[in-house]
Amino acid sequence: MVGTMDDTKRQQRGNTRQRIQDVALALFAEQGYEKTSLREIAEGLEVTKAALYYHFKTKEEILVSIFEDLTQPITELIEWGRQQQPSLETKREILRRYHDALVEAAPFFRFMQENQATVKELRIGEMFRNRMLGMRDILMDPDAALIDQVRSVTAVFTMHAGMFALTDLPGTDEEKRQAVLEVATALITEAHQGTHTVAT
C-alpha cells in the first residue's frame, strides 16, 4: 500500500512538472522569456509562487527542464548514431529520426528561433550548440572534402530552417515537412557519395 502511495505521489509530481512546463512555454512563446515572470507562471497554473518554487526556483530551471525533456530523443539518437557504421542508410535513418524529434518538439524550437538573443545568453544556448555538434559529428565524415562537410552540416540546418521559414509557401504542414526531409536527405546523400568517390 505504501508503494502505491509513493507511486501516486511521483505521478502527481510528474504531472505538476509537466503542467508547469506547458504553461511556462506557452507564456514564453506569447510574451517572450524576458517579459514572463515566475508570478505569471504561477497564476497561469492557479497556484501560489511558493508552490511553484517547490518544483523550480527560477525561470531558467524551467526552461532547461523543457529543453532536456524535449531533446532527450535527440540525445538518444546521437548516442545511437555513434554506435553505428557511417553508411548512407544509417545517415538517412538519423535524418528521419531527427525529423520526427523536431516535429514533436516544434513549439519549443519555435520559441528558440524567436528568442535567439535571449537563448544565447542562457545555459540552454550552450546545451543546444552541443546537441548540434553531436548531430554534425554523426552525419559528417571528417575526411570528406570541404564541400561535402558543408553539405552534411547544411542538411541539419535545412531541417531547422524548414520548420519556420516555409509558412507562406503552398501545401500542408506535413507536405512541407516531407519536402524539407527530402532536401536534407538529398544533401546527405550527395555528401556521402562525394566522400565515397574520393575514398575509392
Protein backbone atom coordinates (compact mmCIF):
# COMPACT_ATOMS: atom_id res chain seq x y z
CA MET A 1 0.00 0.00 0.00
CA VAL A 2 2.85 2.36 0.85
CA GLY A 3 4.45 1.61 -2.51
CA THR A 4 1.22 2.51 -4.27
CA MET A 5 1.02 5.83 -2.40
CA ASP A 6 4.64 6.60 -3.32
CA ASP A 7 3.89 5.83 -6.96
CA THR A 8 0.87 8.12 -6.86
CA LYS A 9 2.91 10.95 -5.36
CA ARG A 10 5.61 10.52 -8.01
CA GLN A 11 2.98 10.60 -10.73
CA GLN A 12 1.41 13.75 -9.28
CA ARG A 13 4.81 15.44 -9.13
CA GLY A 14 5.45 14.40 -12.72
CA ASN A 15 2.07 15.74 -13.83
CA THR A 16 2.66 19.03 -11.98
CA ARG A 17 6.10 19.38 -13.54
CA GLN A 18 4.59 18.81 -16.99
CA ARG A 19 1.87 21.39 -16.34
CA ILE A 20 4.46 23.94 -15.24
CA GLN A 21 6.48 23.30 -18.39
CA ASP A 22 3.41 23.60 -20.64
CA VAL A 23 2.19 26.85 -19.08
CA ALA A 24 5.68 28.36 -18.96
CA LEU A 25 6.45 27.52 -22.59
CA ALA A 26 3.11 28.98 -23.73
CA LEU A 27 3.86 32.22 -21.84
CA PHE A 28 7.48 32.34 -23.05
CA ALA A 29 6.27 31.93 -26.64
CA GLU A 30 3.48 34.50 -26.27
CA GLN A 31 5.25 37.21 -24.26
CA GLY A 32 8.92 36.38 -24.64
CA TYR A 33 11.17 34.85 -22.00
CA GLU A 34 12.36 38.15 -20.50
CA LYS A 35 8.85 39.55 -20.08
CA THR A 36 7.47 36.47 -18.34
CA SER A 37 7.74 36.29 -14.56
CA LEU A 38 7.50 33.36 -12.17
CA ARG A 39 4.45 35.05 -10.68
CA GLU A 40 2.68 34.96 -14.07
CA ILE A 41 3.57 31.30 -14.50
CA ALA A 42 2.15 30.57 -11.02
CA GLU A 43 -1.02 32.50 -11.87
CA GLY A 44 -1.37 30.56 -15.12
CA LEU A 45 -1.20 27.37 -13.07
CA GLU A 46 -3.55 28.80 -10.42
CA VAL A 47 -1.03 28.04 -7.67
CA THR A 48 0.99 30.21 -5.32
CA LYS A 49 4.51 31.30 -6.19
CA ALA A 50 5.69 29.26 -3.19
CA ALA A 51 4.08 26.13 -4.67
CA LEU A 52 5.90 26.79 -7.95
CA TYR A 53 9.16 27.23 -6.03
CA TYR A 54 8.79 23.68 -4.73
CA HIS A 55 9.48 22.44 -8.26
CA PHE A 56 11.57 25.20 -9.84
CA LYS A 57 13.45 28.12 -8.30
CA THR A 58 14.00 30.13 -11.49
CA LYS A 59 12.61 30.59 -14.99
CA GLU A 60 15.86 29.23 -16.38
CA GLU A 61 15.41 26.00 -14.39
CA ILE A 62 12.02 25.58 -16.05
CA LEU A 63 13.46 26.30 -19.49
CA VAL A 64 16.35 23.87 -19.01
CA SER A 65 13.92 21.16 -17.88
CA ILE A 66 11.80 21.72 -21.00
CA PHE A 67 14.90 21.55 -23.18
CA GLU A 68 16.18 18.37 -21.53
CA ASP A 69 12.84 16.59 -21.75
CA LEU A 70 12.03 17.58 -25.33
CA THR A 71 15.53 16.96 -26.69
CA GLN A 72 16.01 13.62 -24.93
CA PRO A 73 15.14 11.76 -28.18
CA ILE A 74 17.88 13.77 -29.92
CA THR A 75 20.40 12.86 -27.21
CA GLU A 76 19.45 9.20 -27.58
CA LEU A 77 19.69 9.49 -31.38
CA ILE A 78 23.23 10.92 -31.15
CA GLU A 79 24.27 8.06 -28.86
CA TRP A 80 22.72 5.53 -31.24
CA GLY A 81 24.39 7.15 -34.25
CA ARG A 82 27.83 6.97 -32.62
CA GLN A 83 27.47 3.20 -32.32
CA GLN A 84 26.55 2.64 -35.98
CA GLN A 85 28.65 2.21 -39.08
CA PRO A 86 28.58 5.51 -41.02
CA SER A 87 26.70 4.07 -44.00
CA LEU A 88 24.36 6.10 -46.19
CA GLU A 89 21.34 4.21 -44.86
CA THR A 90 22.40 4.99 -41.28
CA LYS A 91 22.68 8.69 -42.12
CA ARG A 92 19.27 8.67 -43.78
CA GLU A 93 17.78 6.95 -40.74
CA ILE A 94 19.37 9.56 -38.48
CA LEU A 95 17.72 12.31 -40.52
CA ARG A 96 14.35 10.54 -40.39
CA ARG A 97 14.53 10.18 -36.62
CA TYR A 98 15.77 13.74 -36.20
CA HIS A 99 12.86 14.96 -38.30
CA ASP A 100 10.41 13.16 -36.00
CA ALA A 101 12.10 14.61 -32.89
CA LEU A 102 11.91 18.15 -34.28
CA VAL A 103 8.23 17.78 -35.14
CA GLU A 104 7.49 16.51 -31.62
CA ALA A 105 9.32 19.47 -30.05
CA ALA A 106 8.21 22.09 -32.60
CA PRO A 107 6.72 24.61 -30.11
CA PHE A 108 9.98 24.69 -28.15
CA PHE A 109 12.18 25.09 -31.22
CA ARG A 110 9.85 27.85 -32.43
CA PHE A 111 10.39 29.61 -29.10
CA MET A 112 14.16 29.23 -29.50
CA GLN A 113 14.02 30.61 -33.04
CA GLU A 114 12.04 33.67 -31.93
CA ASN A 115 14.18 34.31 -28.84
CA GLN A 116 17.67 33.69 -30.22
CA ALA A 117 19.35 36.61 -28.44
CA THR A 118 17.95 35.53 -25.06
CA VAL A 119 18.69 31.84 -25.60
CA LYS A 120 22.31 32.64 -26.50
CA GLU A 121 22.82 34.17 -23.03
CA LEU A 122 21.25 31.24 -21.18
CA ARG A 123 22.61 27.80 -20.34
CA ILE A 124 20.42 26.15 -22.98
CA GLY A 125 22.30 28.09 -25.67
CA GLU A 126 25.44 26.07 -24.97
CA MET A 127 23.42 22.89 -24.45
CA PHE A 128 21.76 23.35 -27.85
CA ARG A 129 25.11 24.04 -29.50
CA ASN A 130 26.47 20.79 -28.07
CA ARG A 131 23.47 18.87 -29.46
CA MET A 132 24.09 20.40 -32.90
CA LEU A 133 27.77 19.44 -32.77
CA GLY A 134 26.73 15.92 -31.81
CA MET A 135 24.42 15.73 -34.83
CA ARG A 136 27.14 17.10 -37.08
CA ASP A 137 29.63 14.52 -35.88
CA ILE A 138 27.42 11.51 -36.62
CA LEU A 139 26.50 12.79 -40.09
CA MET A 140 29.78 14.25 -41.34
CA ASP A 141 32.85 12.34 -42.44
CA PRO A 142 35.84 14.30 -41.05
CA ASP A 143 37.96 13.13 -44.00
CA ALA A 144 35.45 14.34 -46.60
CA ALA A 145 36.11 17.24 -48.95
CA LEU A 146 35.09 20.61 -47.51
CA ILE A 147 32.10 20.89 -49.84
CA ASP A 148 30.76 17.54 -48.60
CA GLN A 149 31.29 18.53 -44.97
CA VAL A 150 29.28 21.70 -45.70
CA ARG A 151 26.53 19.61 -47.30
CA SER A 152 26.31 17.44 -44.18
CA VAL A 153 26.06 20.40 -41.82
CA THR A 154 23.59 22.15 -44.13
CA ALA A 155 21.32 19.08 -44.07
CA VAL A 156 20.82 19.59 -40.31
CA PHE A 157 20.21 23.33 -40.57
CA THR A 158 17.85 22.79 -43.50
CA MET A 159 15.61 20.79 -41.19
CA HIS A 160 15.60 23.57 -38.60
CA ALA A 161 15.02 26.39 -41.08
CA GLY A 162 12.32 24.40 -42.81
CA MET A 163 10.23 24.29 -39.64
CA PHE A 164 9.74 28.06 -39.57
CA ALA A 165 10.70 29.57 -42.92
CA LEU A 166 8.09 27.91 -45.12
CA THR A 167 4.85 29.20 -43.61
CA ASP A 168 3.99 31.29 -46.69
CA LEU A 169 4.57 28.50 -49.19
CA PRO A 170 1.66 26.44 -50.55
CA GLY A 171 0.96 23.00 -49.16
CA THR A 172 0.04 21.45 -45.85
CA ASP A 173 2.42 21.40 -42.88
CA GLU A 174 3.00 17.70 -43.45
CA GLU A 175 3.82 18.23 -47.14
CA LYS A 176 6.31 20.95 -46.21
CA ARG A 177 7.93 18.78 -43.53
CA GLN A 178 8.31 15.92 -46.01
CA ALA A 179 9.79 18.29 -48.61
CA VAL A 180 12.32 19.54 -46.05
CA LEU A 181 13.27 15.96 -45.13
CA GLU A 182 13.67 15.12 -48.82
CA VAL A 183 16.00 18.10 -49.40
CA ALA A 184 18.06 17.27 -46.28
CA THR A 185 18.29 13.62 -47.38
CA ALA A 186 19.44 14.69 -50.86
CA LEU A 187 22.19 16.80 -49.28
CA ILE A 188 23.43 14.00 -47.04
CA THR A 189 23.28 11.52 -49.95
CA GLU A 190 25.34 13.81 -52.17
CA ALA A 191 27.84 14.39 -49.34
CA HIS A 192 28.18 10.64 -48.70
CA GLN A 193 28.57 9.80 -52.37
CA GLY A 194 31.19 12.51 -52.76
CA THR A 195 33.11 11.08 -49.81
CA HIS A 196 32.78 7.56 -51.22
CA THR A 197 34.09 8.70 -54.62
CA VAL A 198 37.13 10.37 -53.02
CA ALA A 199 37.78 7.29 -50.87
CA THR A 200 37.84 4.99 -53.87
